[in-house]
Amino acid sequence: MSAADHPEHAIRCPWCHAPAGQRCTTPTGRPIAIPSHDARITAWTTQATKTGGTR
C-alpha cells in the first residue's frame, strides 16, 4: 500500500488519532479492516479542497 493508494494517510486521523503515515486503528490499537476511518477521509478531502490540492 502506497501513499498514492491512500492519500488520506498524509494527515492524522481525527477519530482514532493514528499519526500521519499510519493506518487507522481500533480502540484497542489494532489496525482496522478498512484503510481509513470515514472521518479521516473527510478531513483529508476538506483540507485538500481548501488548499487546492488533490494529494
C-alpha atoms as a PDB file:
ATOM      1  CA  MET A   1       0.000   0.000   0.000  1.00  0.00           C
ATOM      2  CA  SER A   2       1.476   3.313  -1.038  1.00  0.00           C
ATOM      3  CA  ALA A   3       0.652   6.935  -0.271  1.00  0.00           C
ATOM      4  CA  ALA A   4      -0.830   7.190  -3.767  1.00  0.00           C
ATOM      5  CA  ASP A   5      -3.320   4.434  -2.860  1.00  0.00           C
ATOM      6  CA  HIS A   6      -4.465   6.219   0.320  1.00  0.00           C
ATOM      7  CA  PRO A   7      -3.534   9.903   0.252  1.00  0.00           C
ATOM      8  CA  GLU A   8      -5.642  10.483   3.376  1.00  0.00           C
ATOM      9  CA  HIS A   9      -2.829   8.820   5.330  1.00  0.00           C
ATOM     10  CA  ALA A  10      -0.919  12.096   4.915  1.00  0.00           C
ATOM     11  CA  ILE A  11      -2.868  13.532   7.870  1.00  0.00           C
ATOM     12  CA  ARG A  12      -3.586  12.390  11.441  1.00  0.00           C
ATOM     13  CA  CYS A  13      -6.921  10.625  11.891  1.00  0.00           C
ATOM     14  CA  PRO A  14      -9.329  12.777  13.915  1.00  0.00           C
ATOM     15  CA  TRP A  15     -11.257   9.681  15.023  1.00  0.00           C
ATOM     16  CA  CYS A  16      -8.594   7.247  16.301  1.00  0.00           C
ATOM     17  CA  HIS A  17      -5.641   9.679  16.338  1.00  0.00           C
ATOM     18  CA  ALA A  18      -3.466   7.451  14.153  1.00  0.00           C
ATOM     19  CA  PRO A  19      -0.461   9.555  13.139  1.00  0.00           C
ATOM     20  CA  ALA A  20       0.159  10.636   9.570  1.00  0.00           C
ATOM     21  CA  GLY A  21       1.593   7.791   7.534  1.00  0.00           C
ATOM     22  CA  GLN A  22      -0.018   5.036   9.623  1.00  0.00           C
ATOM     23  CA  ARG A  23      -3.252   3.106   9.231  1.00  0.00           C
ATOM     24  CA  CYS A  24      -6.270   3.762  11.404  1.00  0.00           C
ATOM     25  CA  THR A  25      -6.760   1.565  14.459  1.00  0.00           C
ATOM     26  CA  THR A  26      -9.474   0.202  16.716  1.00  0.00           C
ATOM     27  CA  PRO A  27      -9.819   1.477  20.289  1.00  0.00           C
ATOM     28  CA  THR A  28      -7.503  -1.370  21.361  1.00  0.00           C
ATOM     29  CA  GLY A  29      -4.813  -0.333  18.890  1.00  0.00           C
ATOM     30  CA  ARG A  30      -5.282  -2.991  16.218  1.00  0.00           C
ATOM     31  CA  PRO A  31      -5.391  -1.979  12.534  1.00  0.00           C
ATOM     32  CA  ILE A  32      -8.945  -1.745  11.208  1.00  0.00           C
ATOM     33  CA  ALA A  33     -10.146  -3.864   8.288  1.00  0.00           C
ATOM     34  CA  ILE A  34     -10.587  -0.849   6.018  1.00  0.00           C
ATOM     35  CA  PRO A  35      -7.686   1.506   5.192  1.00  0.00           C
ATOM     36  CA  SER A  36      -9.102   4.601   6.932  1.00  0.00           C
ATOM     37  CA  HIS A  37     -11.970   5.870   9.058  1.00  0.00           C
ATOM     38  CA  ASP A  38     -14.538   7.971   7.210  1.00  0.00           C
ATOM     39  CA  ALA A  39     -13.605  10.904   9.452  1.00  0.00           C
ATOM     40  CA  ARG A  40     -10.019  10.803   8.176  1.00  0.00           C
ATOM     41  CA  ILE A  41     -11.100  10.680   4.543  1.00  0.00           C
ATOM     42  CA  THR A  42     -13.491  13.578   5.138  1.00  0.00           C
ATOM     43  CA  ALA A  43     -10.810  15.619   6.920  1.00  0.00           C
ATOM     44  CA  TRP A  44      -8.300  14.973   4.134  1.00  0.00           C
ATOM     45  CA  THR A  45     -10.861  15.868   1.446  1.00  0.00           C
ATOM     46  CA  THR A  46     -11.740  19.092   3.264  1.00  0.00           C
ATOM     47  CA  GLN A  47      -8.074  20.015   3.663  1.00  0.00           C
ATOM     48  CA  ALA A  48      -7.293  19.213   0.021  1.00  0.00           C
ATOM     49  CA  THR A  49     -10.269  21.279  -1.127  1.00  0.00           C
ATOM     50  CA  LYS A  50      -9.220  24.288   0.975  1.00  0.00           C
ATOM     51  CA  THR A  51      -5.604  24.159  -0.199  1.00  0.00           C
ATOM     52  CA  GLY A  52      -6.499  23.478  -3.832  1.00  0.00           C
ATOM     53  CA  GLY A  53      -4.538  20.224  -3.913  1.00  0.00           C
ATOM     54  CA  THR A  54      -5.667  16.739  -4.657  1.00  0.00           C
ATOM     55  CA  ARG A  55      -2.794  14.947  -2.911  1.00  0.00           C
END
